[in-house]
Amino acid sequence: MASDRKRTESVPPAKSARETYYDRVYDFVRTIPAGSVVTYGQVALELGAPAASRAVGYALHHLPAESDVPWWRVINAGGRISLKGRGQQADIQRQILEREGVPFNEDGRTELARYRWIPEEQ
């Protein structure tokens, strides 16, 4: 019995379905090139879960501050930043995107037809 306990103690706990989905979101978002954006729905569709755009938002919301995931490259389907009510995060997101070459008009919208990244089929 003691040997069984040792064996199970050395095995890391399994990730939940949510954690696994979040990891997939992060992996995809890391592939978005600078100067491009994608929508929450586009990420969900690319991951095979087209109805899970809110889950994409939740995943990005739960990123640790020191993360290397370029969360700012994900915007809403209207070409706008969706971080209303989150302090300065929306301003930070817009500033980073503008620095990367993604402009916004006076209504806070970018031209998705021009700046949306479409990954190559693999």
PDB file of N, CA and C in Angstrom:
ATOM      1  N   MET A   1       0.825  -1.188   0.000  1.00  0.00           N
ATOM      2  CA  MET A   1       0.000   0.000   0.000  1.00  0.00           C
ATOM      3  C   MET A   1       0.869   1.251   0.000  1.00  0.00           C
ATOM      4  N   ALA A   2       1.962   1.222   0.742  1.00  0.00           N
ATOM      5  CA  ALA A   2       2.839   2.386   0.780  1.00  0.00           C
ATOM      6  C   ALA A   2       3.426   2.670  -0.597  1.00  0.00           C
ATOM      7  N   SER A   3       3.751   1.614  -1.351  1.00  0.00           N
ATOM      8  CA  SER A   3       4.308   1.841  -2.684  1.00  0.00           C
ATOM      9  C   SER A   3       3.264   2.451  -3.618  1.00  0.00           C
ATOM     10  N   ASP A   4       1.986   2.092  -3.455  1.00  0.00           N
ATOM     11  CA  ASP A   4       0.923   2.700  -4.260  1.00  0.00           C
ATOM     12  C   ASP A   4       0.806   4.188  -3.951  1.00  0.00           C
ATOM     13  N   ARG A   5       0.918   4.532  -2.694  1.00  0.00           N
ATOM     14  CA  ARG A   5       0.797   5.934  -2.301  1.00  0.00           C
ATOM     15  C   ARG A   5       1.950   6.746  -2.885  1.00  0.00           C
ATOM     16  N   LYS A   6       3.158   6.217  -2.833  1.00  0.00           N
ATOM     17  CA  LYS A   6       4.296   6.935  -3.398  1.00  0.00           C
ATOM     18  C   LYS A   6       4.095   7.185  -4.889  1.00  0.00           C
ATOM     19  N   ARG A   7       3.599   6.176  -5.581  1.00  0.00           N
ATOM     20  CA  ARG A   7       3.416   6.302  -7.021  1.00  0.00           C
ATOM     21  C   ARG A   7       2.378   7.381  -7.338  1.00  0.00           C
ATOM     22  N   THR A   8       1.281   7.417  -6.611  1.00  0.00           N
ATOM     23  CA  THR A   8       0.247   8.409  -6.902  1.00  0.00           C
ATOM     24  C   THR A   8       0.649   9.799  -6.443  1.00  0.00           C
ATOM     25  N   GLU A   9       1.460   9.898  -5.405  1.00  0.00           N
ATOM     26  CA  GLU A   9       1.895  11.212  -4.945  1.00  0.00           C
ATOM     27  C   GLU A   9       2.813  11.887  -5.955  1.00  0.00           C
ATOM     28  N   SER A  10       3.536  11.115  -6.750  1.00  0.00           N
ATOM     29  CA  SER A  10       4.452  11.711  -7.713  1.00  0.00           C
ATOM     30  C   SER A  10       3.760  12.104  -9.022  1.00  0.00           C
ATOM     31  N   VAL A  11       2.517  11.713  -9.192  1.00  0.00           N
ATOM     32  CA  VAL A  11       1.771  12.053 -10.401  1.00  0.00           C
ATOM     33  C   VAL A  11       1.070  13.389 -10.186  1.00  0.00           C
ATOM     34  N   PRO A  12       1.319  14.365 -11.064  1.00  0.00           N
ATOM     35  CA  PRO A  12       0.640  15.652 -10.886  1.00  0.00           C
ATOM     36  C   PRO A  12      -0.854  15.504 -11.115  1.00  0.00           C
ATOM     37  N   PRO A  13      -1.656  16.329 -10.475  1.00  0.00           N
ATOM     38  CA  PRO A  13      -3.103  16.228 -10.662  1.00  0.00           C
ATOM     39  C   PRO A  13      -3.477  16.554 -12.105  1.00  0.00           C
ATOM     40  N   ALA A  14      -4.510  15.902 -12.584  1.00  0.00           N
ATOM     41  CA  ALA A  14      -4.983  16.144 -13.950  1.00  0.00           C
ATOM     42  C   ALA A  14      -5.563  17.547 -14.052  1.00  0.00           C
ATOM     43  N   LYS A  15      -5.387  18.151 -15.210  1.00  0.00           N
ATOM     44  CA  LYS A  15      -5.968  19.475 -15.435  1.00  0.00           C
ATOM     45  C   LYS A  15      -7.458  19.333 -15.683  1.00  0.00           C
ATOM     46  N   SER A  16      -8.188  20.334 -15.255  1.00  0.00           N
ATOM     47  CA  SER A  16      -9.619  20.346 -15.525  1.00  0.00           C
ATOM     48  C   SER A  16      -9.838  20.692 -16.990  1.00  0.00           C
ATOM     49  N   ALA A  17     -11.039  20.451 -17.481  1.00  0.00           N
ATOM     50  CA  ALA A  17     -11.375  20.789 -18.867  1.00  0.00           C
ATOM     51  C   ALA A  17     -11.199  22.285 -19.100  1.00  0.00           C
ATOM     52  N   ARG A  18     -11.554  23.095 -18.107  1.00  0.00           N
ATOM     53  CA  ARG A  18     -11.401  24.542 -18.237  1.00  0.00           C
ATOM     54  C   ARG A  18      -9.931  24.921 -18.389  1.00  0.00           C
ATOM     55  N   GLU A  19      -9.072  24.369 -17.540  1.00  0.00           N
ATOM     56  CA  GLU A  19      -7.646  24.681 -17.619  1.00  0.00           C
ATOM     57  C   GLU A  19      -7.067  24.266 -18.968  1.00  0.00           C
ATOM     58  N   THR A  20      -7.488  23.114 -19.456  1.00  0.00           N
ATOM     59  CA  THR A  20      -7.013  22.640 -20.748  1.00  0.00           C
ATOM     60  C   THR A  20      -7.472  23.570 -21.861  1.00  0.00           C
ATOM     61  N   TYR A  21      -8.728  24.015 -21.823  1.00  0.00           N
ATOM     62  CA  TYR A  21      -9.235  24.946 -22.828  1.00  0.00           C
ATOM     63  C   TYR A  21      -8.476  26.268 -22.749  1.00  0.00           C
ATOM     64  N   TYR A  22      -8.253  26.760 -21.551  1.00  0.00           N
ATOM     65  CA  TYR A  22      -7.501  28.010 -21.384  1.00  0.00           C
ATOM     66  C   TYR A  22      -6.103  27.875 -21.993  1.00  0.00           C
ATOM     67  N   ASP A  23      -5.443  26.757 -21.758  1.00  0.00           N
ATOM     68  CA  ASP A  23      -4.112  26.537 -22.336  1.00  0.00           C
ATOM     69  C   ASP A  23      -4.166  26.580 -23.860  1.00  0.00           C
ATOM     70  N   ARG A  24      -5.208  26.009 -24.438  1.00  0.00           N
ATOM     71  CA  ARG A  24      -5.364  26.033 -25.897  1.00  0.00           C
ATOM     72  C   ARG A  24      -5.584  27.462 -26.390  1.00  0.00           C
ATOM     73  N   VAL A  25      -6.367  28.236 -25.650  1.00  0.00           N
ATOM     74  CA  VAL A  25      -6.564  29.651 -25.995  1.00  0.00           C
ATOM     75  C   VAL A  25      -5.214  30.364 -25.978  1.00  0.00           C
ATOM     76  N   TYR A  26      -4.449  30.183 -24.912  1.00  0.00           N
ATOM     77  CA  TYR A  26      -3.162  30.864 -24.776  1.00  0.00           C
ATOM     78  C   TYR A  26      -2.206  30.469 -25.905  1.00  0.00           C
ATOM     79  N   ASP A  27      -2.176  29.183 -26.230  1.00  0.00           N
ATOM     80  CA  ASP A  27      -1.301  28.725 -27.310  1.00  0.00           C
ATOM     81  C   ASP A  27      -1.677  29.383 -28.633  1.00  0.00           C
ATOM     82  N   PHE A  28      -2.974  29.478 -28.916  1.00  0.00           N
ATOM     83  CA  PHE A  28      -3.405  30.102 -30.166  1.00  0.00           C
ATOM     84  C   PHE A  28      -3.078  31.593 -30.172  1.00  0.00           C
ATOM     85  N   VAL A  29      -3.376  32.280 -29.087  1.00  0.00           N
ATOM     86  CA  VAL A  29      -3.157  33.729 -29.032  1.00  0.00           C
ATOM     87  C   VAL A  29      -1.673  34.052 -29.187  1.00  0.00           C
ATOM     88  N   ARG A  30      -0.802  33.181 -28.704  1.00  0.00           N
ATOM     89  CA  ARG A  30       0.641  33.406 -28.873  1.00  0.00           C
ATOM     90  C   ARG A  30       1.052  33.413 -30.349  1.00  0.00           C
ATOM     91  N   THR A  31       0.257  32.826 -31.220  1.00  0.00           N
ATOM     92  CA  THR A  31       0.612  32.762 -32.646  1.00  0.00           C
ATOM     93  C   THR A  31       0.179  33.998 -33.430  1.00  0.00           C
ATOM     94  N   ILE A  32      -0.607  34.880 -32.837  1.00  0.00           N
ATOM     95  CA  ILE A  32      -1.094  36.072 -33.540  1.00  0.00           C
ATOM     96  C   ILE A  32       0.078  37.036 -33.718  1.00  0.00           C
ATOM     97  N   PRO A  33       0.385  37.399 -34.956  1.00  0.00           N
ATOM     98  CA  PRO A  33       1.527  38.297 -35.158  1.00  0.00           C
ATOM     99  C   PRO A  33       1.237  39.731 -34.724  1.00  0.00           C
ATOM    100  N   ALA A  34       2.284  40.432 -34.352  1.00  0.00           N
ATOM    101  CA  ALA A  34       2.162  41.856 -34.016  1.00  0.00           C
ATOM    102  C   ALA A  34       1.596  42.589 -35.225  1.00  0.00           C
ATOM    103  N   GLY A  35       0.745  43.577 -34.961  1.00  0.00           N
ATOM    104  CA  GLY A  35       0.126  44.340 -36.034  1.00  0.00           C
ATOM    105  C   GLY A  35      -1.147  43.713 -36.560  1.00  0.00           C
ATOM    106  N   SER A  36      -1.592  42.648 -35.904  1.00  0.00           N
ATOM    107  CA  SER A  36      -2.813  41.949 -36.302  1.00  0.00           C
ATOM    108  C   SER A  36      -3.696  41.738 -35.089  1.00  0.00           C
ATOM    109  N   VAL A  37      -4.980  41.509 -35.345  1.00  0.00           N
ATOM    110  CA  VAL A  37      -5.939  41.194 -34.283  1.00  0.00           C
ATOM    111  C   VAL A  37      -6.795  40.013 -34.716  1.00  0.00           C
ATOM    112  N   VAL A  38      -7.411  39.389 -33.744  1.00  0.00           N
ATOM    113  CA  VAL A  38      -8.441  38.378 -33.977  1.00  0.00           C
ATOM    114  C   VAL A  38      -9.593  38.696 -33.034  1.00  0.00           C
ATOM    115  N   THR A  39     -10.743  38.092 -33.284  1.00  0.00           N
ATOM    116  CA  THR A  39     -11.889  38.289 -32.399  1.00  0.00           C
ATOM    117  C   THR A  39     -12.002  37.114 -31.433  1.00  0.00           C
ATOM    118  N   TYR A  40     -12.736  37.348 -30.355  1.00  0.00           N
ATOM    119  CA  TYR A  40     -12.978  36.273 -29.390  1.00  0.00           C
ATOM    120  C   TYR A  40     -13.631  35.082 -30.088  1.00  0.00           C
ATOM    121  N   GLY A  41     -14.612  35.370 -30.924  1.00  0.00           N
ATOM    122  CA  GLY A  41     -15.304  34.313 -31.649  1.00  0.00           C
ATOM    123  C   GLY A  41     -14.402  33.570 -32.608  1.00  0.00           C
ATOM    124  N   GLN A  42     -13.474  34.279 -33.213  1.00  0.00           N
ATOM    125  CA  GLN A  42     -12.534  33.651 -34.131  1.00  0.00           C
ATOM    126  C   GLN A  42     -11.638  32.660 -33.388  1.00  0.00           C
ATOM    127  N   VAL A  43     -11.174  33.043 -32.207  1.00  0.00           N
ATOM    128  CA  VAL A  43     -10.356  32.129 -31.404  1.00  0.00           C
ATOM    129  C   VAL A  43     -11.169  30.883 -31.073  1.00  0.00           C
ATOM    130  N   ALA A  44     -12.401  31.085 -30.623  1.00  0.00           N
ATOM    131  CA  ALA A  44     -13.259  29.949 -30.277  1.00  0.00           C
ATOM    132  C   ALA A  44     -13.463  29.035 -31.483  1.00  0.00           C
ATOM    133  N   LEU A  45     -13.717  29.613 -32.639  1.00  0.00           N
ATOM    134  CA  LEU A  45     -13.918  28.835 -33.861  1.00  0.00           C
ATOM    135  C   LEU A  45     -12.662  28.055 -34.225  1.00  0.00           C
ATOM    136  N   GLU A  46     -11.512  28.699 -34.137  1.00  0.00           N
ATOM    137  CA  GLU A  46     -10.242  28.027 -34.446  1.00  0.00           C
ATOM    138  C   GLU A  46      -9.989  26.844 -33.513  1.00  0.00           C
ATOM    139  N   LEU A  47     -10.511  26.932 -32.293  1.00  0.00           N
ATOM    140  CA  LEU A  47     -10.310  25.852 -31.320  1.00  0.00           C
ATOM    141  C   LEU A  47     -11.405  24.799 -31.391  1.00  0.00           C
ATOM    142  N   GLY A  48     -12.319  24.940 -32.357  1.00  0.00           N
ATOM    143  CA  GLY A  48     -13.368  23.945 -32.538  1.00  0.00           C
ATOM    144  C   GLY A  48     -14.542  24.099 -31.601  1.00  0.00           C
ATOM    145  N   ALA A  49     -14.690  25.259 -30.991  1.00  0.00           N
ATOM    146  CA  ALA A  49     -15.794  25.508 -30.059  1.00  0.00           C
ATOM    147  C   ALA A  49     -16.431  26.853 -30.399  1.00  0.00           C
ATOM    148  N   PRO A  50     -17.120  26.953 -31.556  1.00  0.00           N
ATOM    149  CA  PRO A  50     -17.596  28.250 -32.039  1.00  0.00           C
ATOM    150  C   PRO A  50     -18.522  29.007 -31.095  1.00  0.00           C
ATOM    151  N   ALA A  51     -19.158  28.324 -30.174  1.00  0.00           N
ATOM    152  CA  ALA A  51     -20.065  28.998 -29.236  1.00  0.00           C
ATOM    153  C   ALA A  51     -19.355  29.432 -27.951  1.00  0.00           C
ATOM    154  N   ALA A  52     -18.047  29.300 -27.900  1.00  0.00           N
ATOM    155  CA  ALA A  52     -17.308  29.534 -26.654  1.00  0.00           C
ATOM    156  C   ALA A  52     -16.516  30.841 -26.651  1.00  0.00           C
ATOM    157  N   SER A  53     -17.006  31.867 -27.334  1.00  0.00           N
ATOM    158  CA  SER A  53     -16.250  33.124 -27.366  1.00  0.00           C
ATOM    159  C   SER A  53     -16.131  33.753 -25.979  1.00  0.00           C
ATOM    160  N   ARG A  54     -17.153  33.605 -25.154  1.00  0.00           N
ATOM    161  CA  ARG A  54     -17.049  34.146 -23.783  1.00  0.00           C
ATOM    162  C   ARG A  54     -15.985  33.414 -22.983  1.00  0.00           C
ATOM    163  N   ALA A  55     -15.861  32.121 -23.215  1.00  0.00           N
ATOM    164  CA  ALA A  55     -14.824  31.352 -22.520  1.00  0.00           C
ATOM    165  C   ALA A  55     -13.437  31.851 -22.913  1.00  0.00           C
ATOM    166  N   VAL A  56     -13.287  32.305 -24.155  1.00  0.00           N
ATOM    167  CA  VAL A  56     -12.013  32.895 -24.585  1.00  0.00           C
ATOM    168  C   VAL A  56     -11.742  34.149 -23.753  1.00  0.00           C
ATOM    169  N   GLY A  57     -12.758  34.979 -23.592  1.00  0.00           N
ATOM    170  CA  GLY A  57     -12.616  36.178 -22.767  1.00  0.00           C
ATOM    171  C   GLY A  57     -12.264  35.845 -21.329  1.00  0.00           C
ATOM    172  N   TYR A  58     -12.912  34.823 -20.774  1.00  0.00           N
ATOM    173  CA  TYR A  58     -12.608  34.412 -19.401  1.00  0.00           C
ATOM    174  C   TYR A  58     -11.160  33.941 -19.298  1.00  0.00           C
ATOM    175  N   ALA A  59     -10.719  33.181 -20.289  1.00  0.00           N
ATOM    176  CA  ALA A  59      -9.340  32.682 -20.275  1.00  0.00           C
ATOM    177  C   ALA A  59      -8.356  33.842 -20.248  1.00  0.00           C
ATOM    178  N   LEU A  60      -8.584  34.831 -21.103  1.00  0.00           N
ATOM    179  CA  LEU A  60      -7.670  35.973 -21.158  1.00  0.00           C
ATOM    180  C   LEU A  60      -7.749  36.810 -19.883  1.00  0.00           C
ATOM    181  N   HIS A  61      -8.926  36.892 -19.304  1.00  0.00           N
ATOM    182  CA  HIS A  61      -9.089  37.629 -18.044  1.00  0.00           C
ATOM    183  C   HIS A  61      -8.290  36.986 -16.908  1.00  0.00           C
ATOM    184  N   HIS A  62      -8.121  35.666 -16.958  1.00  0.00           N
ATOM    185  CA  HIS A  62      -7.428  34.949 -15.884  1.00  0.00           C
ATOM    186  C   HIS A  62      -5.919  34.818 -16.098  1.00  0.00           C
ATOM    187  N   LEU A  63      -5.393  35.484 -17.104  1.00  0.00           N
ATOM    188  CA  LEU A  63      -3.945  35.433 -17.317  1.00  0.00           C
ATOM    189  C   LEU A  63      -3.199  36.077 -16.153  1.00  0.00           C
ATOM    190  N   PRO A  64      -2.104  35.482 -15.715  1.00  0.00           N
ATOM    191  CA  PRO A  64      -1.283  36.147 -14.710  1.00  0.00           C
ATOM    192  C   PRO A  64      -0.604  37.375 -15.326  1.00  0.00           C
ATOM    193  N   ALA A  65      -0.307  38.359 -14.521  1.00  0.00           N
ATOM    194  CA  ALA A  65       0.279  39.616 -14.998  1.00  0.00           C
ATOM    195  C   ALA A  65       1.581  39.395 -15.764  1.00  0.00           C
ATOM    196  N   GLU A  66       2.354  38.413 -15.373  1.00  0.00           N
ATOM    197  CA  GLU A  66       3.659  38.182 -16.000  1.00  0.00           C
ATOM    198  C   GLU A  66       3.588  37.295 -17.243  1.00  0.00           C
ATOM    199  N   SER A  67       2.411  37.012 -17.726  1.00  0.00           N
ATOM    200  CA  SER A  67       2.222  36.124 -18.870  1.00  0.00           C
ATOM    201  C   SER A  67       2.833  36.689 -20.151  1.00  0.00           C
ATOM    202  N   ASP A  68       3.268  35.781 -21.024  1.00  0.00           N
ATOM    203  CA  ASP A  68       3.797  36.177 -22.334  1.00  0.00           C
ATOM    204  C   ASP A  68       2.727  36.121 -23.430  1.00  0.00           C
ATOM    205  N   VAL A  69       1.488  35.883 -23.061  1.00  0.00           N
ATOM    206  CA  VAL A  69       0.394  35.798 -24.032  1.00  0.00           C
ATOM    207  C   VAL A  69      -0.019  37.215 -24.444  1.00  0.00           C
ATOM    208  N   PRO A  70      -0.004  37.535 -25.744  1.00  0.00           N
ATOM    209  CA  PRO A  70      -0.371  38.884 -26.198  1.00  0.00           C
ATOM    210  C   PRO A  70      -1.888  39.086 -26.226  1.00  0.00           C
ATOM    211  N   TRP A  71      -2.489  39.140 -25.069  1.00  0.00           N
ATOM    212  CA  TRP A  71      -3.940  39.235 -24.891  1.00  0.00           C
ATOM    213  C   TRP A  71      -4.533  40.428 -25.613  1.00  0.00           C
ATOM    214  N   TRP A  72      -3.759  41.487 -25.765  1.00  0.00           N
ATOM    215  CA  TRP A  72      -4.261  42.726 -26.365  1.00  0.00           C
ATOM    216  C   TRP A  72      -4.621  42.566 -27.839  1.00  0.00           C
ATOM    217  N   ARG A  73      -4.209  41.477 -28.468  1.00  0.00           N
ATOM    218  CA  ARG A  73      -4.505  41.255 -29.889  1.00  0.00           C
ATOM    219  C   ARG A  73      -5.870  40.617 -30.117  1.00  0.00           C
ATOM    220  N   VAL A  74      -6.627  40.406 -29.054  1.00  0.00           N
ATOM    221  CA  VAL A  74      -7.973  39.830 -29.176  1.00  0.00           C
ATOM    222  C   VAL A  74      -8.985  40.926 -28.871  1.00  0.00           C
ATOM    223  N   ILE A  75      -9.880  41.172 -29.841  1.00  0.00           N
ATOM    224  CA  ILE A  75     -10.889  42.223 -29.710  1.00  0.00           C
ATOM    225  C   ILE A  75     -12.257  41.647 -30.053  1.00  0.00           C
ATOM    226  N   ASN A  76     -13.291  42.466 -29.958  1.00  0.00           N
ATOM    227  CA  ASN A  76     -14.631  41.938 -30.234  1.00  0.00           C
ATOM    228  C   ASN A  76     -14.948  41.949 -31.727  1.00  0.00           C
ATOM    229  N   ALA A  77     -16.054  41.327 -32.087  1.00  0.00           N
ATOM    230  CA  ALA A  77     -16.438  41.153 -33.492  1.00  0.00           C
ATOM    231  C   ALA A  77     -16.760  42.468 -34.185  1.00  0.00           C
ATOM    232  N   GLY A  78     -16.990  43.521 -33.418  1.00  0.00           N
ATOM    233  CA  GLY A  78     -17.236  44.835 -33.988  1.00  0.00           C
ATOM    234  C   GLY A  78     -15.961  45.621 -34.246  1.00  0.00           C
ATOM    235  N   GLY A  79     -14.811  45.006 -33.973  1.00  0.00           N
ATOM    236  CA  GLY A  79     -13.541  45.691 -34.172  1.00  0.00           C
ATOM    237  C   GLY A  79     -13.178  46.622 -33.034  1.00  0.00           C
ATOM    238  N   ARG A  80     -13.793  46.406 -31.890  1.00  0.00           N
ATOM    239  CA  ARG A  80     -13.560  47.275 -30.724  1.00  0.00           C
ATOM    240  C   ARG A  80     -12.926  46.505 -29.570  1.00  0.00           C
ATOM    241  N   ILE A  81     -12.408  47.258 -28.652  1.00  0.00           N
ATOM    242  CA  ILE A  81     -11.856  46.701 -27.418  1.00  0.00           C
ATOM    243  C   ILE A  81     -13.009  46.480 -26.452  1.00  0.00           C
ATOM    244  N   SER A  82     -13.017  45.338 -25.793  1.00  0.00           N
ATOM    245  CA  SER A  82     -14.145  44.961 -24.930  1.00  0.00           C
ATOM    246  C   SER A  82     -13.879  45.099 -23.445  1.00  0.00           C
ATOM    247  N   LEU A  83     -12.911  45.854 -23.048  1.00  0.00           N
ATOM    248  CA  LEU A  83     -12.532  45.925 -21.633  1.00  0.00           C
ATOM    249  C   LEU A  83     -13.165  47.091 -20.897  1.00  0.00           C
ATOM    250  N   LYS A  84     -14.401  47.384 -21.145  1.00  0.00           N
ATOM    251  CA  LYS A  84     -15.086  48.473 -20.440  1.00  0.00           C
ATOM    252  C   LYS A  84     -15.162  48.149 -18.948  1.00  0.00           C
ATOM    253  N   GLY A  85     -14.990  49.152 -18.127  1.00  0.00           N
ATOM    254  CA  GLY A  85     -15.128  48.956 -16.694  1.00  0.00           C
ATOM    255  C   GLY A  85     -13.964  48.259 -16.034  1.00  0.00           C
ATOM    256  N   ARG A  86     -12.843  48.119 -16.709  1.00  0.00           N
ATOM    257  CA  ARG A  86     -11.688  47.445 -16.127  1.00  0.00           C
ATOM    258  C   ARG A  86     -10.528  48.408 -15.928  1.00  0.00           C
ATOM    259  N   GLY A  87     -10.828  49.582 -15.437  1.00  0.00           N
ATOM    260  CA  GLY A  87      -9.772  50.557 -15.184  1.00  0.00           C
ATOM    261  C   GLY A  87      -9.114  51.010 -16.466  1.00  0.00           C
ATOM    262  N   GLN A  88      -7.796  51.003 -16.468  1.00  0.00           N
ATOM    263  CA  GLN A  88      -7.041  51.496 -17.615  1.00  0.00           C
ATOM    264  C   GLN A  88      -6.707  50.407 -18.623  1.00  0.00           C
ATOM    265  N   GLN A  89      -7.177  49.200 -18.413  1.00  0.00           N
ATOM    266  CA  GLN A  89      -6.833  48.099 -19.308  1.00  0.00           C
ATOM    267  C   GLN A  89      -7.203  48.381 -20.757  1.00  0.00           C
ATOM    268  N   ALA A  90      -8.375  48.964 -21.003  1.00  0.00           N
ATOM    269  CA  ALA A  90      -8.794  49.260 -22.380  1.00  0.00           C
ATOM    270  C   ALA A  90      -7.846  50.266 -23.020  1.00  0.00           C
ATOM    271  N   ASP A  91      -7.446  51.274 -22.258  1.00  0.00           N
ATOM    272  CA  ASP A  91      -6.498  52.263 -22.781  1.00  0.00           C
ATOM    273  C   ASP A  91      -5.148  51.620 -23.081  1.00  0.00           C
ATOM    274  N   ILE A  92      -4.709  50.753 -22.186  1.00  0.00           N
ATOM    275  CA  ILE A  92      -3.437  50.054 -22.379  1.00  0.00           C
ATOM    276  C   ILE A  92      -3.513  49.188 -23.628  1.00  0.00           C
ATOM    277  N   GLN A  93      -4.616  48.450 -23.782  1.00  0.00           N
ATOM    278  CA  GLN A  93      -4.778  47.583 -24.944  1.00  0.00           C
ATOM    279  C   GLN A  93      -4.718  48.408 -26.233  1.00  0.00           C
ATOM    280  N   ARG A  94      -5.434  49.503 -26.262  1.00  0.00           N
ATOM    281  CA  ARG A  94      -5.442  50.349 -27.466  1.00  0.00           C
ATOM    282  C   ARG A  94      -4.046  50.907 -27.753  1.00  0.00           C
ATOM    283  N   GLN A  95      -3.359  51.373 -26.719  1.00  0.00           N
ATOM    284  CA  GLN A  95      -2.012  51.929 -26.910  1.00  0.00           C
ATOM    285  C   GLN A  95      -1.048  50.890 -27.476  1.00  0.00           C
ATOM    286  N   ILE A  96      -1.106  49.684 -26.946  1.00  0.00           N
ATOM    287  CA  ILE A  96      -0.210  48.627 -27.439  1.00  0.00           C
ATOM    288  C   ILE A  96      -0.533  48.315 -28.898  1.00  0.00           C
ATOM    289  N   LEU A  97      -1.819  48.157 -29.208  1.00  0.00           N
ATOM    290  CA  LEU A  97      -2.199  47.853 -30.590  1.00  0.00           C
ATOM    291  C   LEU A  97      -1.786  48.975 -31.536  1.00  0.00           C
ATOM    292  N   GLU A  98      -1.984  50.209 -31.134  1.00  0.00           N
ATOM    293  CA  GLU A  98      -1.578  51.331 -31.990  1.00  0.00           C
ATOM    294  C   GLU A  98      -0.063  51.349 -32.189  1.00  0.00           C
ATOM    295  N   ARG A  99       0.682  51.015 -31.143  1.00  0.00           N
ATOM    296  CA  ARG A  99       2.142  50.919 -31.271  1.00  0.00           C
ATOM    297  C   ARG A  99       2.540  49.822 -32.251  1.00  0.00           C
ATOM    298  N   GLU A 100       1.737  48.763 -32.304  1.00  0.00           N
ATOM    299  CA  GLU A 100       2.004  47.662 -33.231  1.00  0.00           C
ATOM    300  C   GLU A 100       1.506  47.963 -34.645  1.00  0.00           C
ATOM    301  N   GLY A 101       0.836  49.114 -34.822  1.00  0.00           N
ATOM    302  CA  GLY A 101       0.383  49.496 -36.153  1.00  0.00           C
ATOM    303  C   GLY A 101      -1.079  49.249 -36.442  1.00  0.00           C
ATOM    304  N   VAL A 102      -1.873  48.959 -35.415  1.00  0.00           N
ATOM    305  CA  VAL A 102      -3.315  48.746 -35.592  1.00  0.00           C
ATOM    306  C   VAL A 102      -4.027  50.031 -35.155  1.00  0.00           C
ATOM    307  N   PRO A 103      -4.527  50.826 -36.111  1.00  0.00           N
ATOM    308  CA  PRO A 103      -5.174  52.094 -35.764  1.00  0.00           C
ATOM    309  C   PRO A 103      -6.642  51.917 -35.381  1.00  0.00           C
ATOM    310  N   PHE A 104      -7.152  52.887 -34.656  1.00  0.00           N
ATOM    311  CA  PHE A 104      -8.566  52.924 -34.282  1.00  0.00           C
ATOM    312  C   PHE A 104      -9.136  54.260 -34.727  1.00  0.00           C
ATOM    313  N   ASN A 105     -10.397  54.262 -35.143  1.00  0.00           N
ATOM    314  CA  ASN A 105     -11.031  55.525 -35.530  1.00  0.00           C
ATOM    315  C   ASN A 105     -11.586  56.223 -34.292  1.00  0.00           C
ATOM    316  N   GLU A 106     -12.246  57.350 -34.505  1.00  0.00           N
ATOM    317  CA  GLU A 106     -12.765  58.141 -33.382  1.00  0.00           C
ATOM    318  C   GLU A 106     -13.844  57.408 -32.592  1.00  0.00           C
ATOM    319  N   ASP A 107     -14.452  56.383 -33.195  1.00  0.00           N
ATOM    320  CA  ASP A 107     -15.452  55.570 -32.494  1.00  0.00           C
ATOM    321  C   ASP A 107     -14.821  54.391 -31.752  1.00  0.00           C
ATOM    322  N   GLY A 108     -13.494  54.291 -31.784  1.00  0.00           N
ATOM    323  CA  GLY A 108     -12.817  53.203 -31.085  1.00  0.00           C
ATOM    324  C   GLY A 108     -12.858  51.882 -31.821  1.00  0.00           C
ATOM    325  N   ARG A 109     -12.984  51.944 -33.132  1.00  0.00           N
ATOM    326  CA  ARG A 109     -13.092  50.727 -33.941  1.00  0.00           C
ATOM    327  C   ARG A 109     -11.895  50.630 -34.885  1.00  0.00           C
ATOM    328  N   THR A 110     -11.408  49.400 -35.076  1.00  0.00           N
ATOM    329  CA  THR A 110     -10.373  49.176 -36.079  1.00  0.00           C
ATOM    330  C   THR A 110     -10.997  48.492 -37.286  1.00  0.00           C
ATOM    331  N   GLU A 111     -10.307  48.516 -38.374  1.00  0.00           N
ATOM    332  CA  GLU A 111     -10.799  47.939 -39.622  1.00  0.00           C
ATOM    333  C   GLU A 111     -10.440  46.446 -39.655  1.00  0.00           C
ATOM    334  N   LEU A 112     -11.386  45.615 -39.250  1.00  0.00           N
ATOM    335  CA  LEU A 112     -11.127  44.173 -39.188  1.00  0.00           C
ATOM    336  C   LEU A 112     -10.759  43.600 -40.550  1.00  0.00           C
ATOM    337  N   ALA A 113     -11.372  44.106 -41.608  1.00  0.00           N
ATOM    338  CA  ALA A 113     -11.071  43.582 -42.942  1.00  0.00           C
ATOM    339  C   ALA A 113      -9.586  43.735 -43.274  1.00  0.00           C
ATOM    340  N   ARG A 114      -8.966  44.708 -42.690  1.00  0.00           N
ATOM    341  CA  ARG A 114      -7.549  44.962 -42.973  1.00  0.00           C
ATOM    342  C   ARG A 114      -6.610  44.358 -41.931  1.00  0.00           C
ATOM    343  N   TYR A 115      -6.985  44.389 -40.659  1.00  0.00           N
ATOM    344  CA  TYR A 115      -6.062  44.011 -39.584  1.00  0.00           C
ATOM    345  C   TYR A 115      -6.332  42.644 -38.956  1.00  0.00           C
ATOM    346  N   ARG A 116      -7.436  42.009 -39.351  1.00  0.00           N
ATOM    347  CA  ARG A 116      -7.727  40.675 -38.800  1.00  0.00           C
ATOM    348  C   ARG A 116      -6.722  39.667 -39.356  1.00  0.00           C
ATOM    349  N   TRP A 117      -6.185  38.864 -38.459  1.00  0.00           N
ATOM    350  CA  TRP A 117      -5.258  37.813 -38.860  1.00  0.00           C
ATOM    351  C   TRP A 117      -6.042  36.539 -39.127  1.00  0.00           C
ATOM    352  N   ILE A 118      -5.797  35.952 -40.282  1.00  0.00           N
ATOM    353  CA  ILE A 118      -6.398  34.663 -40.632  1.00  0.00           C
ATOM    354  C   ILE A 118      -5.249  33.657 -40.691  1.00  0.00           C
ATOM    355  N   PRO A 119      -5.223  32.704 -39.765  1.00  0.00           N
ATOM    356  CA  PRO A 119      -4.120  31.732 -39.779  1.00  0.00           C
ATOM    357  C   PRO A 119      -4.177  30.868 -41.035  1.00  0.00           C
ATOM    358  N   GLU A 120      -3.012  30.486 -41.492  1.00  0.00           N
ATOM    359  CA  GLU A 120      -2.944  29.597 -42.651  1.00  0.00           C
ATOM    360  C   GLU A 120      -3.461  28.229 -42.262  1.00  0.00           C
ATOM    361  N   GLU A 121      -4.122  27.584 -43.208  1.00  0.00           N
ATOM    362  CA  GLU A 121      -4.605  26.221 -42.956  1.00  0.00           C
ATOM    363  C   GLU A 121      -3.406  25.297 -42.845  1.00  0.00           C
ATOM    364  N   GLN A 122      -3.496  24.376 -41.917  1.00  0.00           N
ATOM    365  CA  GLN A 122      -2.364  23.469 -41.709  1.00  0.00           C
ATOM    366  C   GLN A 122      -2.645  22.100 -42.241  1.00  0.00           C
TER     367      GLN A 122
END
